[in-house]
Amino acid sequence: MGKPLIDYYKEVLSKISFADQAVFRKEMRKAFRRLIPEEREALKHWFRTSCVCKMEEQASPGEIPARG
């Protein structure tokens, strides 16, 4: 049996998180359509703890990252 779908999407999203924001959003939406509710919550948690932190690190010096 292959790897769980959530692990697949985490891998894909982590690879494209800096490449293209539009593609990242498209893949995130696709993941949400295909995952069950518990996996969606796990993916949200993963996104908030890993991807958001990476985006803040790329902020320009002196720029305050936006929090939402």
PDB file of N, CA and C in Angstrom:
ATOM      1  N   MET A   1       0.839  -1.185   0.000  1.00  0.00           N
ATOM      2  CA  MET A   1       0.000   0.000   0.000  1.00  0.00           C
ATOM      3  C   MET A   1       0.884   1.249   0.000  1.00  0.00           C
ATOM      4  N   GLY A   2       0.462   2.285  -0.698  1.00  0.00           N
ATOM      5  CA  GLY A   2       1.232   3.523  -0.801  1.00  0.00           C
ATOM      6  C   GLY A   2       1.133   4.360   0.460  1.00  0.00           C
ATOM      7  N   LYS A   3       1.784   5.492   0.408  1.00  0.00           N
ATOM      8  CA  LYS A   3       1.764   6.380   1.566  1.00  0.00           C
ATOM      9  C   LYS A   3       0.399   7.052   1.689  1.00  0.00           C
ATOM     10  N   PRO A   4       0.019   7.443   2.900  1.00  0.00           N
ATOM     11  CA  PRO A   4      -1.267   8.123   3.094  1.00  0.00           C
ATOM     12  C   PRO A   4      -1.334   9.414   2.271  1.00  0.00           C
ATOM     13  N   LEU A   5      -2.527   9.741   1.827  1.00  0.00           N
ATOM     14  CA  LEU A   5      -2.727  10.909   0.972  1.00  0.00           C
ATOM     15  C   LEU A   5      -2.266  12.201   1.642  1.00  0.00           C
ATOM     16  N   ILE A   6      -2.477  12.319   2.936  1.00  0.00           N
ATOM     17  CA  ILE A   6      -2.052  13.542   3.626  1.00  0.00           C
ATOM     18  C   ILE A   6      -0.532  13.698   3.572  1.00  0.00           C
ATOM     19  N   ASP A   7       0.189  12.607   3.704  1.00  0.00           N
ATOM     20  CA  ASP A   7       1.652  12.682   3.620  1.00  0.00           C
ATOM     21  C   ASP A   7       2.094  13.089   2.218  1.00  0.00           C
ATOM     22  N   TYR A   8       1.391  12.584   1.222  1.00  0.00           N
ATOM     23  CA  TYR A   8       1.685  12.965  -0.162  1.00  0.00           C
ATOM     24  C   TYR A   8       1.511  14.474  -0.341  1.00  0.00           C
ATOM     25  N   TYR A   9       0.383  15.010   0.139  1.00  0.00           N
ATOM     26  CA  TYR A   9       0.133  16.440  -0.020  1.00  0.00           C
ATOM     27  C   TYR A   9       1.110  17.291   0.789  1.00  0.00           C
ATOM     28  N   LYS A  10       1.500  16.849   1.953  1.00  0.00           N
ATOM     29  CA  LYS A  10       2.503  17.585   2.727  1.00  0.00           C
ATOM     30  C   LYS A  10       3.810  17.668   1.949  1.00  0.00           C
ATOM     31  N   GLU A  11       4.188  16.563   1.330  1.00  0.00           N
ATOM     32  CA  GLU A  11       5.424  16.537   0.551  1.00  0.00           C
ATOM     33  C   GLU A  11       5.337  17.472  -0.653  1.00  0.00           C
ATOM     34  N   VAL A  12       4.235  17.399  -1.378  1.00  0.00           N
ATOM     35  CA  VAL A  12       4.050  18.247  -2.562  1.00  0.00           C
ATOM     36  C   VAL A  12       4.028  19.719  -2.160  1.00  0.00           C
ATOM     37  N   LEU A  13       3.244  20.049  -1.152  1.00  0.00           N
ATOM     38  CA  LEU A  13       3.112  21.441  -0.734  1.00  0.00           C
ATOM     39  C   LEU A  13       4.417  22.008  -0.198  1.00  0.00           C
ATOM     40  N   SER A  14       5.188  21.203   0.493  1.00  0.00           N
ATOM     41  CA  SER A  14       6.461  21.711   1.010  1.00  0.00           C
ATOM     42  C   SER A  14       7.441  21.991  -0.130  1.00  0.00           C
ATOM     43  N   LYS A  15       7.344  21.232  -1.208  1.00  0.00           N
ATOM     44  CA  LYS A  15       8.241  21.445  -2.345  1.00  0.00           C
ATOM     45  C   LYS A  15       7.877  22.684  -3.150  1.00  0.00           C
ATOM     46  N   ILE A  16       6.593  23.039  -3.199  1.00  0.00           N
ATOM     47  CA  ILE A  16       6.189  24.174  -4.032  1.00  0.00           C
ATOM     48  C   ILE A  16       5.861  25.421  -3.217  1.00  0.00           C
ATOM     49  N   SER A  17       6.060  25.385  -1.909  1.00  0.00           N
ATOM     50  CA  SER A  17       5.648  26.507  -1.068  1.00  0.00           C
ATOM     51  C   SER A  17       6.346  27.819  -1.429  1.00  0.00           C
ATOM     52  N   PHE A  18       7.570  27.763  -1.971  1.00  0.00           N
ATOM     53  CA  PHE A  18       8.272  28.990  -2.333  1.00  0.00           C
ATOM     54  C   PHE A  18       8.249  29.249  -3.830  1.00  0.00           C
ATOM     55  N   ALA A  19       7.885  28.265  -4.616  1.00  0.00           N
ATOM     56  CA  ALA A  19       7.972  28.377  -6.069  1.00  0.00           C
ATOM     57  C   ALA A  19       6.940  29.342  -6.633  1.00  0.00           C
ATOM     58  N   ASP A  20       5.686  29.093  -6.376  1.00  0.00           N
ATOM     59  CA  ASP A  20       4.628  29.892  -6.982  1.00  0.00           C
ATOM     60  C   ASP A  20       3.416  29.878  -6.059  1.00  0.00           C
ATOM     61  N   GLN A  21       3.037  31.034  -5.595  1.00  0.00           N
ATOM     62  CA  GLN A  21       1.945  31.136  -4.636  1.00  0.00           C
ATOM     63  C   GLN A  21       0.623  30.655  -5.230  1.00  0.00           C
ATOM     64  N   ALA A  22       0.366  30.929  -6.501  1.00  0.00           N
ATOM     65  CA  ALA A  22      -0.881  30.507  -7.138  1.00  0.00           C
ATOM     66  C   ALA A  22      -0.953  28.980  -7.232  1.00  0.00           C
ATOM     67  N   VAL A  23       0.146  28.353  -7.597  1.00  0.00           N
ATOM     68  CA  VAL A  23       0.185  26.894  -7.689  1.00  0.00           C
ATOM     69  C   VAL A  23       0.012  26.282  -6.306  1.00  0.00           C
ATOM     70  N   PHE A  24       0.640  26.888  -5.307  1.00  0.00           N
ATOM     71  CA  PHE A  24       0.507  26.398  -3.938  1.00  0.00           C
ATOM     72  C   PHE A  24      -0.954  26.419  -3.504  1.00  0.00           C
ATOM     73  N   ARG A  25      -1.638  27.534  -3.760  1.00  0.00           N
ATOM     74  CA  ARG A  25      -3.060  27.630  -3.384  1.00  0.00           C
ATOM     75  C   ARG A  25      -3.900  26.587  -4.114  1.00  0.00           C
ATOM     76  N   LYS A  26      -3.614  26.392  -5.392  1.00  0.00           N
ATOM     77  CA  LYS A  26      -4.350  25.408  -6.183  1.00  0.00           C
ATOM     78  C   LYS A  26      -4.175  24.008  -5.592  1.00  0.00           C
ATOM     79  N   GLU A  27      -2.944  23.649  -5.250  1.00  0.00           N
ATOM     80  CA  GLU A  27      -2.683  22.332  -4.674  1.00  0.00           C
ATOM     81  C   GLU A  27      -3.316  22.195  -3.291  1.00  0.00           C
ATOM     82  N   MET A  28      -3.321  23.275  -2.513  1.00  0.00           N
ATOM     83  CA  MET A  28      -3.941  23.237  -1.191  1.00  0.00           C
ATOM     84  C   MET A  28      -5.451  22.993  -1.332  1.00  0.00           C
ATOM     85  N   ARG A  29      -6.085  23.663  -2.275  1.00  0.00           N
ATOM     86  CA  ARG A  29      -7.525  23.451  -2.501  1.00  0.00           C
ATOM     87  C   ARG A  29      -7.801  22.021  -2.939  1.00  0.00           C
ATOM     88  N   LYS A  30      -6.951  21.500  -3.819  1.00  0.00           N
ATOM     89  CA  LYS A  30      -7.114  20.125  -4.283  1.00  0.00           C
ATOM     90  C   LYS A  30      -7.003  19.151  -3.103  1.00  0.00           C
ATOM     91  N   ALA A  31      -6.041  19.398  -2.235  1.00  0.00           N
ATOM     92  CA  ALA A  31      -5.868  18.541  -1.064  1.00  0.00           C
ATOM     93  C   ALA A  31      -7.117  18.573  -0.192  1.00  0.00           C
ATOM     94  N   PHE A  32      -7.673  19.751   0.034  1.00  0.00           N
ATOM     95  CA  PHE A  32      -8.845  19.878   0.886  1.00  0.00           C
ATOM     96  C   PHE A  32     -10.051  19.164   0.289  1.00  0.00           C
ATOM     97  N   ARG A  33     -10.154  19.126  -1.030  1.00  0.00           N
ATOM     98  CA  ARG A  33     -11.267  18.410  -1.662  1.00  0.00           C
ATOM     99  C   ARG A  33     -11.137  16.902  -1.500  1.00  0.00           C
ATOM    100  N   ARG A  34      -9.918  16.402  -1.459  1.00  0.00           N
ATOM    101  CA  ARG A  34      -9.692  14.959  -1.455  1.00  0.00           C
ATOM    102  C   ARG A  34      -9.521  14.355  -0.065  1.00  0.00           C
ATOM    103  N   LEU A  35      -9.221  15.166   0.928  1.00  0.00           N
ATOM    104  CA  LEU A  35      -8.968  14.646   2.270  1.00  0.00           C
ATOM    105  C   LEU A  35     -10.244  14.581   3.095  1.00  0.00           C
ATOM    106  N   ILE A  36     -10.252  13.682   4.072  1.00  0.00           N
ATOM    107  CA  ILE A  36     -11.375  13.607   5.010  1.00  0.00           C
ATOM    108  C   ILE A  36     -11.199  14.714   6.059  1.00  0.00           C
ATOM    109  N   PRO A  37     -12.278  15.072   6.763  1.00  0.00           N
ATOM    110  CA  PRO A  37     -12.201  16.208   7.712  1.00  0.00           C
ATOM    111  C   PRO A  37     -11.056  16.139   8.712  1.00  0.00           C
ATOM    112  N   GLU A  38     -10.756  14.973   9.264  1.00  0.00           N
ATOM    113  CA  GLU A  38      -9.670  14.869  10.243  1.00  0.00           C
ATOM    114  C   GLU A  38      -8.329  15.175   9.588  1.00  0.00           C
ATOM    115  N   GLU A  39      -8.155  14.715   8.353  1.00  0.00           N
ATOM    116  CA  GLU A  39      -6.907  14.981   7.636  1.00  0.00           C
ATOM    117  C   GLU A  39      -6.809  16.457   7.260  1.00  0.00           C
ATOM    118  N   ARG A  40      -7.933  17.076   6.962  1.00  0.00           N
ATOM    119  CA  ARG A  40      -7.931  18.518   6.663  1.00  0.00           C
ATOM    120  C   ARG A  40      -7.417  19.309   7.854  1.00  0.00           C
ATOM    121  N   GLU A  41      -7.907  18.961   9.047  1.00  0.00           N
ATOM    122  CA  GLU A  41      -7.452  19.652  10.256  1.00  0.00           C
ATOM    123  C   GLU A  41      -5.962  19.425  10.480  1.00  0.00           C
ATOM    124  N   ALA A  42      -5.499  18.207  10.229  1.00  0.00           N
ATOM    125  CA  ALA A  42      -4.074  17.913  10.384  1.00  0.00           C
ATOM    126  C   ALA A  42      -3.250  18.712   9.378  1.00  0.00           C
ATOM    127  N   LEU A  43      -3.753  18.852   8.155  1.00  0.00           N
ATOM    128  CA  LEU A  43      -3.049  19.625   7.132  1.00  0.00           C
ATOM    129  C   LEU A  43      -3.012  21.113   7.500  1.00  0.00           C
ATOM    130  N   LYS A  44      -4.107  21.633   8.036  1.00  0.00           N
ATOM    131  CA  LYS A  44      -4.134  23.027   8.505  1.00  0.00           C
ATOM    132  C   LYS A  44      -3.081  23.245   9.587  1.00  0.00           C
ATOM    133  N   HIS A  45      -3.027  22.307  10.535  1.00  0.00           N
ATOM    134  CA  HIS A  45      -2.047  22.428  11.616  1.00  0.00           C
ATOM    135  C   HIS A  45      -0.627  22.383  11.055  1.00  0.00           C
ATOM    136  N   TRP A  46      -0.374  21.465  10.151  1.00  0.00           N
ATOM    137  CA  TRP A  46       0.945  21.362   9.524  1.00  0.00           C
ATOM    138  C   TRP A  46       1.295  22.671   8.817  1.00  0.00           C
ATOM    139  N   PHE A  47       0.348  23.220   8.068  1.00  0.00           N
ATOM    140  CA  PHE A  47       0.581  24.464   7.336  1.00  0.00           C
ATOM    141  C   PHE A  47       0.927  25.602   8.289  1.00  0.00           C
ATOM    142  N   ARG A  48       0.168  25.710   9.344  1.00  0.00           N
ATOM    143  CA  ARG A  48       0.393  26.806  10.294  1.00  0.00           C
ATOM    144  C   ARG A  48       1.717  26.682  11.029  1.00  0.00           C
ATOM    145  N   THR A  49       2.168  25.474  11.281  1.00  0.00           N
ATOM    146  CA  THR A  49       3.397  25.292  12.039  1.00  0.00           C
ATOM    147  C   THR A  49       4.647  25.252  11.178  1.00  0.00           C
ATOM    148  N   SER A  50       4.520  24.927   9.897  1.00  0.00           N
ATOM    149  CA  SER A  50       5.725  24.830   9.075  1.00  0.00           C
ATOM    150  C   SER A  50       5.786  25.870   7.974  1.00  0.00           C
ATOM    151  N   CYS A  51       4.780  25.966   7.155  1.00  0.00           N
ATOM    152  CA  CYS A  51       4.834  26.870   5.998  1.00  0.00           C
ATOM    153  C   CYS A  51       4.808  28.336   6.396  1.00  0.00           C
ATOM    154  N   VAL A  52       3.954  28.698   7.321  1.00  0.00           N
ATOM    155  CA  VAL A  52       3.845  30.105   7.717  1.00  0.00           C
ATOM    156  C   VAL A  52       5.170  30.592   8.275  1.00  0.00           C
ATOM    157  N   CYS A  53       5.841  29.762   9.042  1.00  0.00           N
ATOM    158  CA  CYS A  53       7.133  30.149   9.612  1.00  0.00           C
ATOM    159  C   CYS A  53       8.153  30.411   8.509  1.00  0.00           C
ATOM    160  N   LYS A  54       8.161  29.599   7.484  1.00  0.00           N
ATOM    161  CA  LYS A  54       9.096  29.775   6.377  1.00  0.00           C
ATOM    162  C   LYS A  54       8.841  31.094   5.661  1.00  0.00           C
ATOM    163  N   MET A  55       7.566  31.455   5.492  1.00  0.00           N
ATOM    164  CA  MET A  55       7.236  32.697   4.801  1.00  0.00           C
ATOM    165  C   MET A  55       7.709  33.904   5.593  1.00  0.00           C
ATOM    166  N   GLU A  56       7.611  33.843   6.917  1.00  0.00           N
ATOM    167  CA  GLU A  56       8.059  34.950   7.754  1.00  0.00           C
ATOM    168  C   GLU A  56       9.565  35.127   7.670  1.00  0.00           C
ATOM    169  N   GLU A  57      10.306  34.033   7.542  1.00  0.00           N
ATOM    170  CA  GLU A  57      11.758  34.108   7.447  1.00  0.00           C
ATOM    171  C   GLU A  57      12.201  34.797   6.173  1.00  0.00           C
ATOM    172  N   GLN A  58      11.387  34.757   5.125  1.00  0.00           N
ATOM    173  CA  GLN A  58      11.735  35.361   3.849  1.00  0.00           C
ATOM    174  C   GLN A  58      11.383  36.837   3.783  1.00  0.00           C
ATOM    175  N   ALA A  59      10.747  37.379   4.806  1.00  0.00           N
ATOM    176  CA  ALA A  59      10.373  38.789   4.806  1.00  0.00           C
ATOM    177  C   ALA A  59      11.622  39.660   4.687  1.00  0.00           C
ATOM    178  N   SER A  60      11.466  40.791   4.037  1.00  0.00           N
ATOM    179  CA  SER A  60      12.578  41.715   3.869  1.00  0.00           C
ATOM    180  C   SER A  60      13.056  42.225   5.219  1.00  0.00           C
ATOM    181  N   PRO A  61      14.328  42.541   5.342  1.00  0.00           N
ATOM    182  CA  PRO A  61      14.827  43.092   6.598  1.00  0.00           C
ATOM    183  C   PRO A  61      14.079  44.369   6.958  1.00  0.00           C
ATOM    184  N   GLY A  62      13.657  44.466   8.190  1.00  0.00           N
ATOM    185  CA  GLY A  62      12.920  45.633   8.643  1.00  0.00           C
ATOM    186  C   GLY A  62      11.431  45.550   8.387  1.00  0.00           C
ATOM    187  N   GLU A  63      11.009  44.561   7.610  1.00  0.00           N
ATOM    188  CA  GLU A  63       9.584  44.391   7.311  1.00  0.00           C
ATOM    189  C   GLU A  63       8.971  43.544   8.391  1.00  0.00           C
ATOM    190  N   ILE A  64       7.815  43.950   8.873  1.00  0.00           N
ATOM    191  CA  ILE A  64       7.113  43.202   9.915  1.00  0.00           C
ATOM    192  C   ILE A  64       6.153  42.245   9.214  1.00  0.00           C
ATOM    193  N   PRO A  65       6.301  40.925   9.439  1.00  0.00           N
ATOM    194  CA  PRO A  65       5.418  39.980   8.793  1.00  0.00           C
ATOM    195  C   PRO A  65       3.983  40.147   9.282  1.00  0.00           C
ATOM    196  N   ALA A  66       3.042  40.027   8.371  1.00  0.00           N
ATOM    197  CA  ALA A  66       1.623  40.148   8.721  1.00  0.00           C
ATOM    198  C   ALA A  66       1.148  38.884   9.378  1.00  0.00           C
ATOM    199  N   ARG A  67       0.330  39.032  10.367  1.00  0.00           N
ATOM    200  CA  ARG A  67      -0.275  37.878  11.049  1.00  0.00           C
ATOM    201  C   ARG A  67      -1.772  37.956  10.800  1.00  0.00           C
ATOM    202  N   GLY A  68      -2.374  36.812  10.508  1.00  0.00           N
ATOM    203  CA  GLY A  68      -3.804  36.835  10.233  1.00  0.00           C
ATOM    204  C   GLY A  68      -4.596  35.878  10.975  1.00  0.00           C
TER     205      GLY A  68
END
